[in-house]
């Protein structure tokens, strides 16, 4: 059957060639972008500027703080894990200068009850009941915790020197608080510890795929950003902000609160806002004397719907809402980093085209094998693009294996390479959903805390890991 002078298989070949050229060029642009960060990291390692020091965990755990520290944990429907987080945090950080603020909602009695059971007799815990029904947004809950901290200061005359942010499912590192305290005392206005997702034997393909993503980001990309002076995006957990920086954030807002209640990714924006206000940001990376990274650990979502929901919120908040909210300020390096942060929707589109191309190629080869159509001769330019992308892909897979194997072992490193197609499919789906959600907000839809559920806590499930810390 001919259409406009071309047979069906000729149209397939034409579409295949155009997709190959388009996807190949954009894959190559992304690969060159990643390779630039790789080269910067290799240079830092070669010159000794990306060393990871070793500290004694027990000594850091017992070290006195330079000033009082407020720990903020917002919680909505977290009855299954909040008790473990409170108990482990208070036991791991015995300093008297600590005060743990847990934000709950008045229509979430299960979380309130779980937090109260975990409190026992430790006077360092404050359970803060929000004056509105949940869910609002995580940023709104954090604002309520900030107000509770200010109320305590007015009553006691004490002034907190920093605020540390964590989530309800986190397993804190015993040395983490002292590292953050030291960074703030040395002049940093924002400090971030690495985040280390825990592998999940029951969810090798979904729940464990976060391992390689965070490991590579927090062993390479964040190290490079810190070295070149770019603003550091907060992970929302294991990060601290100095009191002076919080006051600057409040002064810049009409409601005199540090966070915008409409933000989906207040954690990502936190580090950027501190930097834009003139603050100093630091990425604090160290290992304990047992070789384990000093990091915040947690189990990440392991159901497909929950994984996609979380990734959708990240893409929506960082790539789309973040474009509106934080713009493209700063120098050329800063704009480069923000472009990297916001490439999620474009990456999803290019990946979708890539897998469409794979399907068309399979169809075309099958047709040629059956005697329909003829092979398409590729130009030297297209051949070069394909070869370059193959080389970059092999390099990317090698780095992914290396970074993951360093923290989790060779078996997990190998699985991280095998999980690349899984991560790509998740990126495609979440990118599409993020665009749909963003369009919805432009049309007036309310922004709510679309959080993912947590049912297991590392301190309860993986006692060997918790004990090693």
Protein backbone atom coordinates (compact mmCIF):
# COMPACT_ATOMS: atom_id res chain seq x y z
CA UNK A 1 0.00 0.00 0.00
CA UNK A 2 1.48 3.32 -1.10
CA UNK A 3 0.87 6.71 0.50
CA UNK A 4 2.16 9.84 -1.25
CA UNK A 5 4.48 7.70 -3.31
CA UNK A 6 5.99 5.76 -0.37
CA UNK A 7 5.28 2.21 0.70
CA UNK A 8 4.37 1.51 4.33
CA UNK A 9 7.79 0.09 5.17
CA UNK A 10 9.46 3.09 3.57
CA UNK A 11 7.48 5.33 5.92
CA UNK A 12 8.60 3.18 8.85
CA UNK A 13 12.23 3.48 7.70
CA UNK A 14 11.89 7.26 7.33
CA UNK A 15 10.37 7.64 10.81
CA UNK A 16 13.05 5.38 12.23
CA UNK A 17 15.82 7.49 10.68
CA UNK A 18 14.38 10.79 11.95
CA UNK A 19 13.87 9.44 15.46
CA UNK A 20 17.38 8.03 15.40
CA UNK A 21 18.86 11.40 14.52
CA UNK A 22 16.74 13.37 17.02
CA UNK A 23 17.15 10.98 19.95
CA UNK A 24 20.81 10.38 19.17
CA UNK A 25 21.66 14.08 19.25
CA UNK A 26 19.86 14.70 22.54
CA UNK A 27 21.29 11.55 24.12
CA UNK A 28 24.72 12.83 23.13
CA UNK A 29 24.07 16.26 24.64
CA UNK A 30 23.04 14.63 27.91
CA UNK A 31 26.06 12.33 27.81
CA UNK A 32 28.44 15.27 27.30
CA UNK A 33 26.78 17.06 30.21
CA UNK A 34 27.31 14.04 32.48
CA UNK A 35 30.85 13.55 31.19
CA UNK A 36 31.71 17.14 32.15
CA UNK A 37 30.77 16.38 35.76
CA UNK A 38 32.69 13.10 35.57
CA UNK A 39 35.83 14.88 34.39
CA UNK A 40 35.49 17.52 37.10
CA UNK A 41 35.16 14.80 39.74
CA UNK A 42 38.16 12.89 38.38
CA UNK A 43 40.22 16.08 38.49
CA UNK A 44 39.19 16.69 42.10
CA UNK A 45 40.17 13.13 43.01
CA UNK A 46 43.47 13.39 41.14
CA UNK A 47 44.39 16.67 42.87
CA UNK A 48 43.34 15.41 46.31
CA UNK A 49 40.45 17.86 46.71
CA UNK A 50 37.75 15.19 46.90
CA UNK A 51 39.07 13.13 49.79
CA UNK A 52 36.65 11.54 52.26
CA UNK A 53 38.06 11.82 55.81
CA UNK A 54 37.61 9.16 58.48
CA UNK A 55 36.30 9.99 61.96
CA UNK A 56 35.59 7.97 65.10
CA UNK A 57 31.85 7.51 65.38
CA UNK A 58 31.78 7.01 69.13
CA UNK A 59 33.81 10.15 69.72
CA UNK A 60 31.63 12.20 67.38
CA UNK A 61 28.47 10.83 68.97
CA UNK A 62 29.45 12.00 72.43
CA UNK A 63 30.89 15.35 71.37
CA UNK A 64 29.19 18.42 72.83
CA UNK A 65 27.45 20.79 70.45
CA UNK A 66 28.67 24.33 69.85
CA UNK A 67 25.14 25.55 70.46
CA UNK A 68 21.55 24.30 70.84
CA UNK A 69 20.15 22.42 67.84
CA UNK A 70 16.51 22.03 66.82
CA UNK A 71 15.60 18.88 64.86
CA UNK A 72 12.48 19.23 62.68
CA UNK A 73 10.51 16.14 61.61
CA UNK A 74 7.14 16.74 59.89
CA UNK A 75 4.82 13.74 60.06
CA UNK A 76 1.52 12.93 58.35
CA UNK A 77 0.17 9.37 58.56
CA UNK A 78 3.52 8.05 59.86
CA UNK A 79 2.30 5.94 62.79
CA UNK A 80 4.16 2.87 61.47
CA UNK A 81 7.62 4.47 61.61
CA UNK A 82 7.64 7.68 63.66
CA UNK A 83 8.13 5.87 66.97
CA UNK A 84 11.25 4.09 65.71
CA UNK A 85 12.65 7.33 64.31
CA UNK A 86 12.12 9.21 67.57
CA UNK A 87 13.60 6.45 69.72
CA UNK A 88 16.63 5.92 67.47
CA UNK A 89 17.30 9.65 67.06
CA UNK A 90 17.20 10.41 70.78
CA UNK A 91 19.39 7.38 71.54
CA UNK A 92 21.90 8.14 68.77
CA UNK A 93 22.21 11.83 69.64
CA UNK A 94 22.51 12.09 73.44
CA UNK A 95 23.54 15.77 73.53
CA UNK A 96 21.62 17.91 76.02
CA UNK A 97 21.54 20.82 73.58
CA UNK A 98 19.25 18.94 71.21
CA UNK A 99 15.50 19.43 70.98
CA UNK A 100 13.44 17.23 68.67
CA UNK A 101 10.30 18.81 67.20
CA UNK A 102 7.83 16.38 65.61
CA UNK A 103 4.99 18.01 63.68
CA UNK A 104 1.66 16.15 63.69
CA UNK A 105 -1.86 17.01 62.56
CA UNK A 106 -4.93 17.10 64.77
CA UNK A 107 -6.80 14.72 62.44
CA UNK A 108 -4.01 12.12 62.59
CA UNK A 109 -4.39 10.61 66.09
CA UNK A 110 -2.47 7.44 65.21
CA UNK A 111 0.75 9.35 64.49
CA UNK A 112 0.28 11.48 67.62
CA UNK A 113 -0.18 8.36 69.76
CA UNK A 114 2.88 6.65 68.24
CA UNK A 115 5.01 9.73 68.90
CA UNK A 116 3.80 9.96 72.50
CA UNK A 117 4.63 6.30 73.13
CA UNK A 118 8.16 6.85 71.84
CA UNK A 119 8.70 9.93 74.00
CA UNK A 120 8.90 8.04 77.29
CA UNK A 121 10.69 10.31 79.77
CA UNK A 122 13.01 12.19 77.39
CA UNK A 123 12.33 15.89 77.90
CA UNK A 124 14.12 16.79 74.65
CA UNK A 125 11.08 15.79 72.58
CA UNK A 126 8.38 18.29 71.56
CA UNK A 127 5.25 16.98 69.85
CA UNK A 128 3.74 19.90 67.95
CA UNK A 129 0.09 19.61 66.89
CA UNK A 130 -0.67 21.63 63.78
CA UNK A 131 -3.58 24.07 64.11
CA UNK A 132 -5.10 22.87 60.84
CA UNK A 133 -6.19 19.50 59.52
CA UNK A 134 -3.83 17.57 57.31
CA UNK A 135 -2.51 17.09 54.88
CA UNK A 136 -1.32 20.57 54.02
CA UNK A 137 2.22 20.55 52.61
CA UNK A 138 5.50 19.51 54.15
CA UNK A 139 6.66 23.12 53.91
CA UNK A 140 3.59 24.28 55.84
CA UNK A 141 4.27 21.72 58.58
CA UNK A 142 7.91 22.86 58.78
CA UNK A 143 6.73 26.45 59.22
CA UNK A 144 4.62 25.32 62.17
CA UNK A 145 7.66 23.62 63.72
CA UNK A 146 9.68 26.80 63.24
CA UNK A 147 7.00 28.74 65.11
CA UNK A 148 7.11 26.18 67.94
CA UNK A 149 10.87 26.62 68.17
CA UNK A 150 10.45 30.39 68.36
CA UNK A 151 7.84 29.97 71.12
CA UNK A 152 10.28 27.86 73.15
CA UNK A 153 12.98 30.49 72.70
CA UNK A 154 10.72 33.25 73.96
CA UNK A 155 9.74 31.22 77.01
CA UNK A 156 13.21 29.99 77.93
CA UNK A 157 15.46 32.80 76.72
CA UNK A 158 17.57 30.22 74.85
CA UNK A 159 18.54 30.69 71.20
CA UNK A 160 19.02 27.76 68.84
CA UNK A 161 22.10 27.95 66.64
CA UNK A 162 20.87 25.65 63.87
CA UNK A 163 17.90 23.66 62.62
CA UNK A 164 18.37 20.11 61.32
CA UNK A 165 15.81 18.58 58.95
CA UNK A 166 14.76 14.94 58.80
CA UNK A 167 11.86 12.79 57.62
CA UNK A 168 9.70 10.49 59.70
CA UNK A 169 11.29 7.30 58.28
CA UNK A 170 14.97 8.24 58.70
CA UNK A 171 17.70 6.27 60.42
CA UNK A 172 20.09 8.98 61.59
CA UNK A 173 23.82 8.37 61.89
CA UNK A 174 25.27 8.71 65.41
CA UNK A 175 28.05 10.94 64.07
CA UNK A 176 25.79 12.98 61.81
CA UNK A 177 24.71 15.67 64.25
CA UNK A 178 28.28 16.46 65.33
CA UNK A 179 29.41 16.74 61.70
CA UNK A 180 26.61 19.16 60.89
CA UNK A 181 27.24 21.12 64.08
CA UNK A 182 30.93 21.41 63.23
CA UNK A 183 30.21 22.66 59.71
CA UNK A 184 27.80 25.33 61.00
CA UNK A 185 30.23 26.36 63.76
CA UNK A 186 32.97 26.79 61.14
CA UNK A 187 30.85 29.32 59.26
CA UNK A 188 28.60 27.34 56.94
CA UNK A 189 25.01 28.53 56.66
CA UNK A 190 23.83 25.29 55.08
CA UNK A 191 25.34 21.81 55.43
CA UNK A 192 24.23 18.55 53.84
CA UNK A 193 25.16 14.97 54.73
CA UNK A 194 24.95 12.17 52.13
CA UNK A 195 21.76 10.13 51.88
CA UNK A 196 22.15 6.36 51.57
CA UNK A 197 19.03 4.38 50.59
CA UNK A 198 19.08 0.87 51.99
CA UNK A 199 18.85 -2.13 49.62
CA UNK A 200 15.65 -4.12 49.91
CA UNK A 201 16.00 -7.88 49.31
CA UNK A 202 12.24 -8.10 48.72
CA UNK A 203 12.33 -5.29 46.16
CA UNK A 204 15.52 -5.64 44.13
CA UNK A 205 14.17 -3.80 41.09
CA UNK A 206 12.03 -0.98 42.52
CA UNK A 207 12.88 -0.20 46.13
CA UNK A 208 16.60 -0.78 45.61
CA UNK A 209 16.99 1.31 42.45
CA UNK A 210 17.34 4.43 44.62
CA UNK A 211 20.70 3.08 45.85
CA UNK A 212 22.66 3.86 42.70
CA UNK A 213 20.90 7.17 42.09
CA UNK A 214 21.72 8.67 45.48
CA UNK A 215 25.12 7.03 45.74
CA UNK A 216 26.37 8.49 42.47
CA UNK A 217 24.75 11.87 43.14
CA UNK A 218 26.17 12.19 46.66
CA UNK A 219 29.59 10.73 45.89
CA UNK A 220 30.20 12.69 42.69
CA UNK A 221 27.69 15.36 41.62
CA UNK A 222 27.33 17.01 45.04
CA UNK A 223 31.09 16.87 45.56
CA UNK A 224 31.60 18.70 42.27
CA UNK A 225 28.92 21.30 43.07
CA UNK A 226 30.52 21.95 46.43
CA UNK A 227 33.98 22.34 44.88
CA UNK A 228 32.94 24.75 42.11
CA UNK A 229 30.91 26.93 44.47
CA UNK A 230 27.46 26.18 43.06
CA UNK A 231 24.42 26.23 45.33
CA UNK A 232 23.71 22.87 46.95
CA UNK A 233 20.15 21.55 46.70
CA UNK A 234 19.01 20.17 50.04
CA UNK A 235 17.94 16.55 50.20
CA UNK A 236 15.41 17.43 52.90
CA UNK A 237 17.03 15.00 55.34
CA UNK A 238 20.41 15.07 57.04
CA UNK A 239 20.82 18.79 56.40
CA UNK A 240 21.25 21.77 58.71
CA UNK A 241 20.69 25.51 58.35
CA UNK A 242 22.23 28.11 60.62
CA UNK A 243 19.94 30.33 62.62
CA UNK A 244 21.17 33.46 60.88
CA UNK A 245 20.33 31.92 57.50
CA UNK A 246 16.83 30.98 58.67
CA UNK A 247 16.25 34.55 59.81
CA UNK A 248 17.36 35.84 56.41
CA UNK A 249 14.90 33.49 54.71
CA UNK A 250 12.11 34.73 56.97
CA UNK A 251 13.01 38.38 56.36
CA UNK A 252 12.77 37.85 52.61
CA UNK A 253 9.17 36.60 52.83
CA UNK A 254 6.07 38.66 53.52
CA UNK A 255 4.69 36.12 56.02
CA UNK A 256 8.03 36.02 57.90
CA UNK A 257 8.21 32.23 57.62
CA UNK A 258 11.17 30.32 56.19
CA UNK A 259 9.24 28.17 53.69
CA UNK A 260 6.61 28.74 51.05
CA UNK A 261 3.60 26.61 51.94
CA UNK A 262 2.85 26.17 48.22
CA UNK A 263 6.19 24.50 47.47
CA UNK A 264 6.28 20.79 46.59
CA UNK A 265 10.05 20.55 47.02
CA UNK A 266 10.89 22.93 49.84
CA UNK A 267 13.93 20.78 50.59
CA UNK A 268 15.46 21.30 47.13
CA UNK A 269 14.79 25.04 47.30
CA UNK A 270 16.26 25.40 50.80
CA UNK A 271 19.92 25.17 49.80
CA UNK A 272 19.39 27.39 46.76
CA UNK A 273 17.62 30.04 48.85
CA UNK A 274 20.40 30.09 51.46
CA UNK A 275 22.99 30.52 48.71
CA UNK A 276 21.02 33.30 47.00
CA UNK A 277 20.80 35.12 50.35
CA UNK A 278 24.61 35.16 50.49
CA UNK A 279 25.05 32.11 52.71
CA UNK A 280 27.84 29.55 52.50
CA UNK A 281 26.89 25.97 51.60
CA UNK A 282 28.90 22.84 52.40
CA UNK A 283 28.57 19.19 51.50
CA UNK A 284 29.91 17.20 54.46
CA UNK A 285 31.14 13.75 53.49
CA UNK A 286 33.06 11.47 55.88
CA UNK A 287 33.35 7.83 56.89
CA UNK A 288 33.29 6.23 60.30
CA UNK A 289 36.13 4.13 61.65
CA UNK A 290 34.25 1.01 60.50
CA UNK A 291 34.32 2.20 56.88
CA UNK A 292 30.61 2.99 56.66
CA UNK A 293 29.65 6.35 55.22
CA UNK A 294 28.26 8.87 57.71
CA UNK A 295 24.88 9.33 56.11
CA UNK A 296 21.14 9.37 56.61
CA UNK A 297 19.65 5.98 55.77
CA UNK A 298 16.10 4.92 55.00
CA UNK A 299 13.95 2.47 53.09
CA UNK A 300 12.57 4.12 49.98
CA UNK A 301 9.23 3.24 48.31
CA UNK A 302 9.08 -0.26 46.84
CA UNK A 303 5.67 -0.32 45.13
CA UNK A 304 5.51 0.89 41.53
CA UNK A 305 2.70 3.36 42.18
CA UNK A 306 4.50 4.82 45.21
CA UNK A 307 7.81 5.09 43.34
CA UNK A 308 6.16 6.89 40.43
CA UNK A 309 4.25 9.18 42.80
CA UNK A 310 7.46 10.20 44.56
CA UNK A 311 9.41 10.71 41.34
CA UNK A 312 6.49 12.68 39.90
CA UNK A 313 6.57 15.04 42.88
CA UNK A 314 10.32 15.52 42.48
CA UNK A 315 10.11 16.28 38.75
CA UNK A 316 7.09 18.52 39.23
CA UNK A 317 8.65 20.46 42.09
CA UNK A 318 12.23 20.72 40.84
CA UNK A 319 11.99 20.88 37.06
CA UNK A 320 8.64 22.65 36.56
CA UNK A 321 7.57 24.46 39.72
CA UNK A 322 11.22 25.19 40.51
CA UNK A 323 11.63 26.95 37.17
CA UNK A 324 8.82 29.32 38.18
CA UNK A 325 9.86 29.73 41.79
CA UNK A 326 13.67 29.96 41.71
CA UNK A 327 14.34 31.08 38.14
CA UNK A 328 17.78 31.04 36.53
CA UNK A 329 19.78 33.37 38.77
CA UNK A 330 23.50 33.21 39.40
CA UNK A 331 26.56 32.86 37.21
CA UNK A 332 27.12 30.49 34.30
CA UNK A 333 28.10 27.59 36.57
CA UNK A 334 24.96 28.04 38.66
CA UNK A 335 22.76 28.10 35.58
CA UNK A 336 24.43 24.94 34.32
CA UNK A 337 23.65 23.14 37.57
CA UNK A 338 20.03 24.31 37.54
CA UNK A 339 19.67 23.14 33.95
CA UNK A 340 20.92 19.72 35.07
CA UNK A 341 18.40 19.69 37.90
CA UNK A 342 15.54 20.55 35.55
CA UNK A 343 16.19 18.22 32.67
CA UNK A 344 13.76 15.58 33.99
CA UNK A 345 10.86 16.23 31.55
CA UNK A 346 13.23 16.45 28.57
CA UNK A 347 14.98 13.27 29.68
CA UNK A 348 11.62 11.50 29.87
CA UNK A 349 10.76 12.62 26.33
CA UNK A 350 14.11 11.52 24.87
CA UNK A 351 13.92 8.17 26.66
CA UNK A 352 10.41 7.63 25.31
CA UNK A 353 11.65 8.37 21.80
CA UNK A 354 14.57 6.03 22.36
CA UNK A 355 12.36 3.10 23.34
CA UNK A 356 9.98 3.91 20.48
CA UNK A 357 12.99 3.78 18.17
CA UNK A 358 13.97 0.41 19.63
CA UNK A 359 10.49 -0.95 18.89
CA UNK A 360 10.54 0.44 15.34
CA UNK A 361 14.00 -1.01 14.72
CA UNK A 362 12.85 -4.44 15.89
CA UNK A 363 9.80 -4.18 13.64
CA UNK A 364 11.89 -3.01 10.69
CA UNK A 365 14.47 -5.79 11.05
CA UNK A 366 11.70 -8.37 11.28
CA UNK A 367 10.10 -6.99 8.11
CA UNK A 368 13.42 -7.02 6.25
CA UNK A 369 13.97 -10.61 7.33
CA UNK A 370 10.59 -11.52 5.84
CA UNK A 371 11.40 -9.81 2.56
CA UNK A 372 9.57 -6.52 3.13
CA UNK A 373 11.52 -3.32 2.69
CA UNK A 374 15.25 -2.74 2.47
CA UNK A 375 17.90 -1.78 5.05
CA UNK A 376 18.44 1.96 5.46
CA UNK A 377 21.99 3.11 4.86
CA UNK A 378 23.14 5.32 7.76
CA UNK A 379 25.16 8.44 7.07
CA UNK A 380 28.64 8.81 8.61
CA UNK A 381 27.27 11.46 11.00
CA UNK A 382 24.56 9.15 12.32
CA UNK A 383 27.08 6.33 12.67
CA UNK A 384 29.37 8.60 14.68
CA UNK A 385 26.51 9.69 16.96
CA UNK A 386 25.52 6.07 17.59
CA UNK A 387 29.10 5.04 18.34
CA UNK A 388 29.66 8.01 20.67
CA UNK A 389 26.46 7.25 22.57
CA UNK A 390 27.48 3.61 22.94
CA UNK A 391 30.86 4.61 24.38
CA UNK A 392 29.25 7.05 26.81
CA UNK A 393 26.67 4.46 27.85
CA UNK A 394 29.38 1.92 28.66
CA UNK A 395 31.26 4.59 30.63
CA UNK A 396 28.07 5.50 32.49
CA UNK A 397 27.37 1.85 33.33
CA UNK A 398 30.94 1.39 34.56
CA UNK A 399 30.69 4.42 36.86
CA UNK A 400 27.31 3.31 38.15
CA UNK A 401 28.72 -0.10 38.98
CA UNK A 402 31.78 1.39 40.66
CA UNK A 403 29.99 3.89 42.88
CA UNK A 404 27.29 1.40 43.89
CA UNK A 405 29.72 -1.45 44.53
CA UNK A 406 31.83 0.82 46.76
CA UNK A 407 28.95 1.26 49.22
CA UNK A 408 26.87 -1.90 48.76
CA UNK A 409 29.15 -4.57 47.30
CA UNK A 410 29.76 -5.99 43.82
CA UNK A 411 26.43 -7.86 43.64
CA UNK A 412 24.42 -4.67 44.18
CA UNK A 413 26.73 -2.87 41.77
CA UNK A 414 25.89 -5.40 39.06
CA UNK A 415 22.19 -5.12 39.82
CA UNK A 416 22.44 -1.34 39.52
CA UNK A 417 23.49 -1.73 35.88
CA UNK A 418 20.72 -4.23 35.18
CA UNK A 419 18.21 -1.81 36.72
CA UNK A 420 18.95 0.95 34.18
CA UNK A 421 15.93 0.06 31.97
CA UNK A 422 13.69 0.00 35.06
CA UNK A 423 14.84 3.47 36.10
CA UNK A 424 14.29 4.71 32.55
CA UNK A 425 10.69 3.48 32.42
CA UNK A 426 10.00 5.08 35.80
CA UNK A 427 11.46 8.36 34.50
CA UNK A 428 9.20 8.27 31.44
CA UNK A 429 6.02 7.66 33.44
CA UNK A 430 6.83 10.16 36.20
CA UNK A 431 7.84 12.81 33.66
CA UNK A 432 4.51 12.52 31.89
CA UNK A 433 2.59 12.65 35.18
CA UNK A 434 4.60 15.63 36.40
CA UNK A 435 3.72 17.64 33.30
CA UNK A 436 0.04 16.75 33.75
CA UNK A 437 0.13 17.73 37.42
CA UNK A 438 1.90 21.00 36.62
CA UNK A 439 -0.72 21.91 34.04
CA UNK A 440 -3.34 21.16 36.69
CA UNK A 441 -1.78 23.63 39.13
CA UNK A 442 -1.68 26.28 36.40
CA UNK A 443 -5.43 25.74 36.03
CA UNK A 444 -6.00 26.29 39.75
CA UNK A 445 -5.70 22.84 41.32
CA UNK A 446 -4.59 22.94 44.96
CA UNK A 447 -1.13 21.67 45.93
CA UNK A 448 -1.26 19.02 48.67
CA UNK A 449 1.27 16.82 50.46
CA UNK A 450 1.13 13.79 48.14
CA UNK A 451 3.47 11.78 50.34
CA UNK A 452 4.46 8.15 49.93
CA UNK A 453 3.57 5.62 52.65
CA UNK A 454 6.19 4.11 54.96
CA UNK A 455 5.66 0.82 56.77
CA UNK A 456 9.15 -0.43 57.66
CA UNK A 457 11.93 1.28 59.59
CA UNK A 458 15.61 0.27 59.37
CA UNK A 459 16.06 0.37 63.15
CA UNK A 460 13.38 -2.29 63.47
CA UNK A 461 13.93 -4.40 60.35
CA UNK A 462 17.68 -4.20 59.78
CA UNK A 463 19.07 -4.34 63.30
CA UNK A 464 22.46 -5.50 62.05
CA UNK A 465 22.83 -2.32 59.99
CA UNK A 466 21.62 -0.13 62.86
CA UNK A 467 23.98 -1.89 65.25
CA UNK A 468 26.95 -1.39 62.94
CA UNK A 469 26.40 2.35 63.15
